[in-house]
């Protein structure tokens, strides 16, 4: 599942090799829905896009010939709305990792007003369904002005607004010391950040779990790439690109299921005294129409040790996100991100995001 096939594509009269992934990640490296939705759907129509390896500068190609599923990542996915019918026409399913933070008044993000972003969340749920939009409050950052109680209060406000619109809340603790460019940029901007201690992480997890129960949200709480063990609070280690969620949303796509080696089976027939759920094998997950499947999720060995994602081809590029979040790991500097964004605007139909 981790190895993509290659095919030949012809570009301006020359033949090049292109990866042909089944599952696309769009993208960990930049906010494609917010800033490059028009570019992406233009490339989807043309059948391929390109990206430049940030480590060796080599240009590589991705063919969308076999694409069956897309995981979008965004802080403002509203520009996706008019394009969703195109995915339906192509029988490409998707879900959205929607980072919906509330740092208004702290100059940490450049995003639309919170009320607009919550409205966007609900509009997307109306189009795609509750399980298709995953709420992320990411990262949880502590500063001189933002305490654990401040963060919990912010989560409470959004959590109440999204009740009934999502199944999950994913969060991470801002791990600043690990990322040199994040530390550099925060200090350059004069953000008075604090590193989380283990005790503070435990305290936050316990209080968040209690809030989840008391307010009747019943969200599945999960952390993203966190080493700390907080499962005692019902908080799982997340899988942002999750084979099980993909199966739940696209179980009727035989080609995708065959690729993922998922077998959809009918529910066992209970006797007069049995419950069908009691007859299901271990690891079984229910599907519509009295069906189920066994979890086949496998971690992508190419990701970080603490990352639980399955394999997907990421099509983004670093240093291209104009959100300019102070804690961003994907931009080396704000200046480089703006430079690349301006270059993109001058060459919007290029096969790369940067227009190079």
Protein backbone atom coordinates (compact mmCIF):
# COMPACT_ATOMS: atom_id res chain seq x y z
CA UNK A 1 0.00 0.00 0.00
CA UNK A 2 2.99 2.31 0.45
CA UNK A 3 4.45 1.98 -3.05
CA UNK A 4 2.92 3.87 -5.94
CA UNK A 5 3.14 2.76 -9.53
CA UNK A 6 4.70 4.89 -12.26
CA UNK A 7 3.46 5.78 -15.71
CA UNK A 8 4.75 7.76 -18.68
CA UNK A 9 3.17 11.15 -19.37
CA UNK A 10 3.95 13.49 -22.25
CA UNK A 11 4.67 17.15 -21.46
CA UNK A 12 5.50 19.58 -24.28
CA UNK A 13 6.56 16.71 -26.52
CA UNK A 14 8.80 14.98 -24.00
CA UNK A 15 8.05 11.85 -22.01
CA UNK A 16 8.58 11.83 -18.24
CA UNK A 17 7.90 9.35 -15.46
CA UNK A 18 5.09 10.20 -13.05
CA UNK A 19 3.86 8.56 -9.89
CA UNK A 20 0.26 7.32 -10.10
CA UNK A 21 -1.08 7.40 -6.53
CA UNK A 22 -4.51 6.16 -5.53
CA UNK A 23 -4.67 8.39 -2.42
CA UNK A 24 -3.62 12.05 -2.46
CA UNK A 25 -2.71 14.29 0.48
CA UNK A 26 -3.39 17.96 -0.29
CA UNK A 27 -1.44 18.91 1.73
CA UNK A 28 0.73 18.80 4.85
CA UNK A 29 3.08 21.32 3.22
CA UNK A 30 0.72 24.18 2.40
CA UNK A 31 -2.96 25.16 2.42
CA UNK A 32 -4.10 24.06 -1.03
CA UNK A 33 -7.86 24.53 -0.38
CA UNK A 34 -7.44 28.10 0.89
CA UNK A 35 -4.96 29.43 -1.68
CA UNK A 36 -4.54 26.94 -4.50
CA UNK A 37 -7.95 25.29 -5.02
CA UNK A 38 -8.24 26.71 -8.54
CA UNK A 39 -4.72 25.49 -9.35
CA UNK A 40 -5.41 22.01 -8.00
CA UNK A 41 -8.63 21.46 -9.92
CA UNK A 42 -7.03 22.82 -13.07
CA UNK A 43 -4.21 20.28 -12.62
CA UNK A 44 -6.75 17.54 -11.90
CA UNK A 45 -8.41 18.36 -15.22
CA UNK A 46 -5.04 18.36 -17.02
CA UNK A 47 -4.24 15.02 -15.39
CA UNK A 48 -0.97 15.77 -13.61
CA UNK A 49 0.98 18.21 -11.47
CA UNK A 50 4.59 18.59 -10.43
CA UNK A 51 6.49 19.38 -7.26
CA UNK A 52 10.08 20.18 -6.44
CA UNK A 53 11.87 18.13 -3.81
CA UNK A 54 12.98 20.64 -1.11
CA UNK A 55 16.10 18.61 -0.31
CA UNK A 56 17.61 17.98 -3.75
CA UNK A 57 15.71 20.41 -6.02
CA UNK A 58 14.60 17.62 -8.37
CA UNK A 59 11.26 18.12 -10.11
CA UNK A 60 8.90 15.15 -9.90
CA UNK A 61 5.51 14.46 -11.47
CA UNK A 62 2.23 13.08 -10.18
CA UNK A 63 -0.45 11.66 -12.46
CA UNK A 64 -4.08 11.77 -11.30
CA UNK A 65 -5.09 8.98 -13.65
CA UNK A 66 -5.83 6.53 -10.80
CA UNK A 67 -6.76 8.95 -8.00
CA UNK A 68 -9.70 7.66 -5.96
CA UNK A 69 -9.43 9.55 -2.67
CA UNK A 70 -8.11 12.92 -1.46
CA UNK A 71 -7.37 14.06 2.08
CA UNK A 72 -7.47 17.86 2.19
CA UNK A 73 -5.79 19.88 4.96
CA UNK A 74 -6.85 23.48 5.52
CA UNK A 75 -7.50 26.42 7.82
CA UNK A 76 -9.95 27.91 5.34
CA UNK A 77 -11.40 25.27 2.99
CA UNK A 78 -14.29 27.48 1.85
CA UNK A 79 -12.85 27.81 -1.70
CA UNK A 80 -13.39 24.04 -2.09
CA UNK A 81 -17.17 24.37 -2.00
CA UNK A 82 -17.76 25.18 -5.70
CA UNK A 83 -15.35 22.42 -6.75
CA UNK A 84 -16.90 19.54 -4.79
CA UNK A 85 -19.29 18.61 -7.65
CA UNK A 86 -16.21 17.96 -9.81
CA UNK A 87 -15.02 15.32 -7.35
CA UNK A 88 -18.46 13.72 -7.39
CA UNK A 89 -18.45 13.63 -11.17
CA UNK A 90 -15.09 11.88 -11.12
CA UNK A 91 -16.17 9.52 -8.32
CA UNK A 92 -13.32 10.78 -6.13
CA UNK A 93 -14.17 10.78 -2.44
CA UNK A 94 -12.52 13.02 0.16
CA UNK A 95 -12.42 14.19 3.72
CA UNK A 96 -11.03 17.41 5.18
CA UNK A 97 -8.67 17.93 8.09
CA UNK A 98 -10.02 21.35 9.11
CA UNK A 99 -7.77 23.29 11.49
CA UNK A 100 -10.23 25.52 13.31
CA UNK A 101 -8.37 27.36 16.07
CA UNK A 102 -9.42 30.40 18.06
CA UNK A 103 -6.43 32.67 18.42
CA UNK A 104 -8.33 35.84 17.56
CA UNK A 105 -6.69 38.82 19.20
CA UNK A 106 -3.31 37.11 19.64
CA UNK A 107 -1.79 37.80 16.19
CA UNK A 108 -0.77 34.17 15.73
CA UNK A 109 -2.72 33.47 12.53
CA UNK A 110 -4.01 35.35 9.50
CA UNK A 111 -7.33 33.62 8.88
CA UNK A 112 -10.97 34.68 8.37
CA UNK A 113 -13.08 35.54 11.44
CA UNK A 114 -13.95 32.58 13.66
CA UNK A 115 -17.68 32.91 12.96
CA UNK A 116 -17.02 32.65 9.21
CA UNK A 117 -14.80 29.60 9.66
CA UNK A 118 -17.44 27.86 11.78
CA UNK A 119 -20.02 28.65 9.09
CA UNK A 120 -17.67 27.14 6.49
CA UNK A 121 -17.36 24.01 8.60
CA UNK A 122 -21.12 23.55 8.66
CA UNK A 123 -21.49 24.22 4.93
CA UNK A 124 -18.90 21.53 4.19
CA UNK A 125 -20.65 19.06 6.49
CA UNK A 126 -23.89 19.73 4.60
CA UNK A 127 -22.14 18.79 1.35
CA UNK A 128 -19.92 15.91 2.50
CA UNK A 129 -21.42 14.53 5.71
CA UNK A 130 -20.46 14.63 9.39
CA UNK A 131 -17.62 12.11 9.26
CA UNK A 132 -15.96 13.88 6.34
CA UNK A 133 -14.89 17.00 8.26
CA UNK A 134 -12.40 16.46 11.08
CA UNK A 135 -11.97 19.30 13.56
CA UNK A 136 -8.38 20.11 14.51
CA UNK A 137 -7.33 22.64 17.15
CA UNK A 138 -3.69 22.55 16.23
CA UNK A 139 -1.37 23.44 17.80
CA UNK A 140 -2.23 24.21 21.38
CA UNK A 141 0.26 26.93 22.16
CA UNK A 142 1.06 28.51 25.53
CA UNK A 143 2.27 32.11 25.80
CA UNK A 144 2.40 34.85 28.42
CA UNK A 145 -1.21 35.62 27.44
CA UNK A 146 -2.54 32.11 26.64
CA UNK A 147 -2.87 29.71 29.56
CA UNK A 148 -4.31 26.21 29.81
CA UNK A 149 -7.59 27.72 30.99
CA UNK A 150 -7.59 30.13 28.05
CA UNK A 151 -7.18 27.25 25.61
CA UNK A 152 -9.91 25.20 27.27
CA UNK A 153 -12.27 28.17 27.09
CA UNK A 154 -11.50 28.58 23.37
CA UNK A 155 -12.07 24.87 22.74
CA UNK A 156 -15.35 25.06 24.64
CA UNK A 157 -16.65 27.84 22.41
CA UNK A 158 -15.88 26.02 19.18
CA UNK A 159 -16.87 22.62 20.57
CA UNK A 160 -20.33 23.87 21.47
CA UNK A 161 -20.76 25.37 17.99
CA UNK A 162 -19.73 22.17 16.23
CA UNK A 163 -21.79 19.74 18.33
CA UNK A 164 -23.51 17.39 15.89
CA UNK A 165 -21.26 18.48 13.00
CA UNK A 166 -18.15 16.40 13.62
CA UNK A 167 -17.08 13.14 15.21
CA UNK A 168 -13.56 14.00 16.27
CA UNK A 169 -11.30 16.66 17.78
CA UNK A 170 -7.61 16.33 16.98
CA UNK A 171 -5.05 18.48 18.79
CA UNK A 172 -1.32 18.70 19.38
CA UNK A 173 0.85 20.48 21.91
CA UNK A 174 3.14 23.08 20.35
CA UNK A 175 6.57 21.42 20.46
CA UNK A 176 8.68 24.46 19.67
CA UNK A 177 12.16 23.38 20.69
CA UNK A 178 12.08 20.44 18.26
CA UNK A 179 11.54 22.67 15.23
CA UNK A 180 14.38 25.17 14.87
CA UNK A 181 12.67 27.32 12.25
CA UNK A 182 9.50 27.51 14.36
CA UNK A 183 11.53 28.61 17.37
CA UNK A 184 13.44 31.12 15.25
CA UNK A 185 10.29 32.62 13.72
CA UNK A 186 8.44 32.87 17.03
CA UNK A 187 11.38 34.63 18.62
CA UNK A 188 11.83 36.87 15.58
CA UNK A 189 8.19 37.95 15.88
CA UNK A 190 8.49 38.47 19.62
CA UNK A 191 5.91 35.82 20.57
CA UNK A 192 6.36 35.06 24.31
CA UNK A 193 5.82 31.31 23.97
CA UNK A 194 6.15 28.69 26.69
CA UNK A 195 7.11 25.05 26.20
CA UNK A 196 4.60 22.51 27.54
CA UNK A 197 5.67 20.40 30.49
CA UNK A 198 4.50 16.81 30.85
CA UNK A 199 2.46 17.84 33.88
CA UNK A 200 0.73 20.58 31.90
CA UNK A 201 -0.05 18.15 29.07
CA UNK A 202 -1.61 15.74 31.52
CA UNK A 203 -3.62 18.51 33.15
CA UNK A 204 -4.93 19.79 29.83
CA UNK A 205 -5.83 16.27 28.64
CA UNK A 206 -7.74 15.49 31.84
CA UNK A 207 -9.71 18.75 31.73
CA UNK A 208 -10.44 18.44 28.00
CA UNK A 209 -11.72 14.89 28.48
CA UNK A 210 -13.93 16.02 31.35
CA UNK A 211 -15.30 18.89 29.25
CA UNK A 212 -16.05 16.51 26.39
CA UNK A 213 -18.20 14.38 28.70
CA UNK A 214 -19.87 17.18 30.66
CA UNK A 215 -20.91 19.15 27.59
CA UNK A 216 -22.22 16.06 25.83
CA UNK A 217 -20.02 16.47 22.78
CA UNK A 218 -18.91 12.85 22.72
CA UNK A 219 -16.11 13.70 20.30
CA UNK A 220 -13.38 11.15 19.77
CA UNK A 221 -10.38 13.02 21.18
CA UNK A 222 -7.02 12.35 19.55
CA UNK A 223 -3.52 13.80 19.57
CA UNK A 224 -1.33 14.23 16.51
CA UNK A 225 2.22 12.82 16.73
CA UNK A 226 2.46 13.17 20.50
CA UNK A 227 4.80 10.94 22.48
CA UNK A 228 2.98 11.41 25.76
CA UNK A 229 0.56 8.65 26.75
CA UNK A 230 -2.83 10.15 27.64
CA UNK A 231 -5.04 7.23 26.62
CA UNK A 232 -6.20 6.99 30.24
CA UNK A 233 -8.32 10.05 29.43
CA UNK A 234 -9.82 8.41 26.35
CA UNK A 235 -7.49 10.34 24.05
CA UNK A 236 -6.09 8.28 21.19
CA UNK A 237 -3.04 8.71 18.98
CA UNK A 238 -4.47 10.06 15.74
CA UNK A 239 -4.14 8.82 12.18
CA UNK A 240 -4.69 11.91 10.05
CA UNK A 241 -4.65 9.86 6.85
CA UNK A 242 -6.75 7.01 8.14
CA UNK A 243 -7.48 3.86 6.14
CA UNK A 244 -10.47 3.08 8.35
CA UNK A 245 -12.09 6.47 7.81
CA UNK A 246 -11.38 6.24 4.08
CA UNK A 247 -13.12 2.86 4.04
CA UNK A 248 -16.12 4.20 5.96
CA UNK A 249 -16.52 6.98 3.41
CA UNK A 250 -15.68 5.06 0.22
CA UNK A 251 -16.54 1.43 0.97
CA UNK A 252 -18.52 1.21 -2.27
CA UNK A 253 -15.49 2.07 -4.44
CA UNK A 254 -14.34 -1.42 -5.40
CA UNK A 255 -11.13 -0.25 -7.05
CA UNK A 256 -10.09 1.66 -3.94
CA UNK A 257 -11.06 -1.18 -1.63
CA UNK A 258 -9.12 -3.66 -3.74
CA UNK A 259 -6.08 -1.40 -3.57
CA UNK A 260 -6.38 -1.11 0.20
CA UNK A 261 -7.07 -4.85 0.51
CA UNK A 262 -10.34 -4.19 2.32
CA UNK A 263 -13.01 -6.87 2.19
CA UNK A 264 -16.55 -5.60 2.79
CA UNK A 265 -18.68 -8.39 4.23
CA UNK A 266 -22.34 -8.82 5.20
CA UNK A 267 -23.18 -8.71 8.90
CA UNK A 268 -23.57 -12.15 10.46
CA UNK A 269 -27.16 -13.27 10.86
CA UNK A 270 -28.01 -13.44 14.57
CA UNK A 271 -30.15 -16.14 16.07
CA UNK A 272 -33.17 -15.32 18.18
CA UNK A 273 -30.99 -14.84 21.26
CA UNK A 274 -27.93 -13.19 19.69
CA UNK A 275 -27.01 -9.62 18.91
CA UNK A 276 -25.36 -9.17 15.50
CA UNK A 277 -22.63 -6.97 17.02
CA UNK A 278 -21.67 -9.76 19.40
CA UNK A 279 -20.98 -12.02 16.42
CA UNK A 280 -18.59 -9.61 14.72
CA UNK A 281 -14.88 -10.56 14.71
CA UNK A 282 -12.29 -8.46 16.56
CA UNK A 283 -11.41 -5.23 14.77
CA UNK A 284 -14.69 -5.15 12.82
CA UNK A 285 -16.13 -1.75 11.88
CA UNK A 286 -19.76 -1.42 10.84
CA UNK A 287 -20.79 -0.02 7.47
CA UNK A 288 -24.15 0.94 5.95
CA UNK A 289 -26.51 -1.71 4.59
CA UNK A 290 -25.68 -4.25 7.30
CA UNK A 291 -22.06 -4.63 6.26
CA UNK A 292 -18.71 -4.49 8.03
CA UNK A 293 -14.98 -4.62 7.41
CA UNK A 294 -11.88 -5.48 9.40
CA UNK A 295 -9.46 -2.64 10.04
CA UNK A 296 -6.45 -2.84 7.72
CA UNK A 297 -4.76 0.43 8.68
CA UNK A 298 -0.99 0.31 8.28
CA UNK A 299 1.35 3.15 9.18
CA UNK A 300 3.42 4.70 6.43
CA UNK A 301 7.04 3.83 7.37
CA UNK A 302 8.18 6.97 5.55
CA UNK A 303 6.51 9.25 8.11
CA UNK A 304 7.81 10.30 11.53
CA UNK A 305 7.97 7.61 14.19
CA UNK A 306 5.02 9.09 16.09
CA UNK A 307 2.88 9.68 12.99
CA UNK A 308 0.12 7.11 12.51
CA UNK A 309 -0.83 8.05 8.94
CA UNK A 310 -1.13 5.51 6.17
CA UNK A 311 0.69 6.13 2.90
CA UNK A 312 -0.58 8.91 0.63
CA UNK A 313 1.14 11.05 -1.98
CA UNK A 314 1.50 14.64 -0.78
CA UNK A 315 1.39 17.13 -3.64
CA UNK A 316 2.18 20.36 -1.80
CA UNK A 317 5.36 22.38 -1.44
CA UNK A 318 6.88 24.07 1.56
CA UNK A 319 7.32 27.87 1.74
CA UNK A 320 4.09 28.53 -0.14
CA UNK A 321 1.46 29.21 2.56
CA UNK A 322 0.37 32.88 2.93
CA UNK A 323 -1.50 32.28 6.20
CA UNK A 324 1.84 33.27 7.79
CA UNK A 325 1.06 31.60 11.11
CA UNK A 326 3.68 32.48 13.68
CA UNK A 327 4.14 28.82 14.70
CA UNK A 328 4.26 27.44 11.13
CA UNK A 329 6.63 24.52 10.46
CA UNK A 330 6.11 24.64 6.67
CA UNK A 331 7.51 28.12 5.98
CA UNK A 332 11.19 28.81 6.56
CA UNK A 333 10.40 32.53 6.53
CA UNK A 334 7.33 34.62 5.81
CA UNK A 335 9.26 36.41 3.08
CA UNK A 336 9.87 33.20 1.11
CA UNK A 337 6.21 32.20 1.42
CA UNK A 338 5.02 35.58 0.10
CA UNK A 339 7.58 35.49 -2.72
CA UNK A 340 6.34 32.08 -3.86
CA UNK A 341 2.70 33.14 -3.52
CA UNK A 342 3.34 36.15 -5.78
CA UNK A 343 5.13 33.95 -8.30
CA UNK A 344 2.14 31.60 -8.32
CA UNK A 345 -0.23 34.49 -9.04
CA UNK A 346 1.88 35.44 -12.05
CA UNK A 347 1.81 31.89 -13.40
CA UNK A 348 -1.39 30.32 -12.08
CA UNK A 349 -1.52 27.58 -14.72
CA UNK A 350 1.95 26.21 -14.05
CA UNK A 351 2.29 22.55 -13.24
CA UNK A 352 3.82 23.45 -9.86
CA UNK A 353 2.35 25.54 -7.07
CA UNK A 354 5.33 27.89 -7.11
CA UNK A 355 5.15 28.51 -10.86
CA UNK A 356 8.77 27.48 -11.31
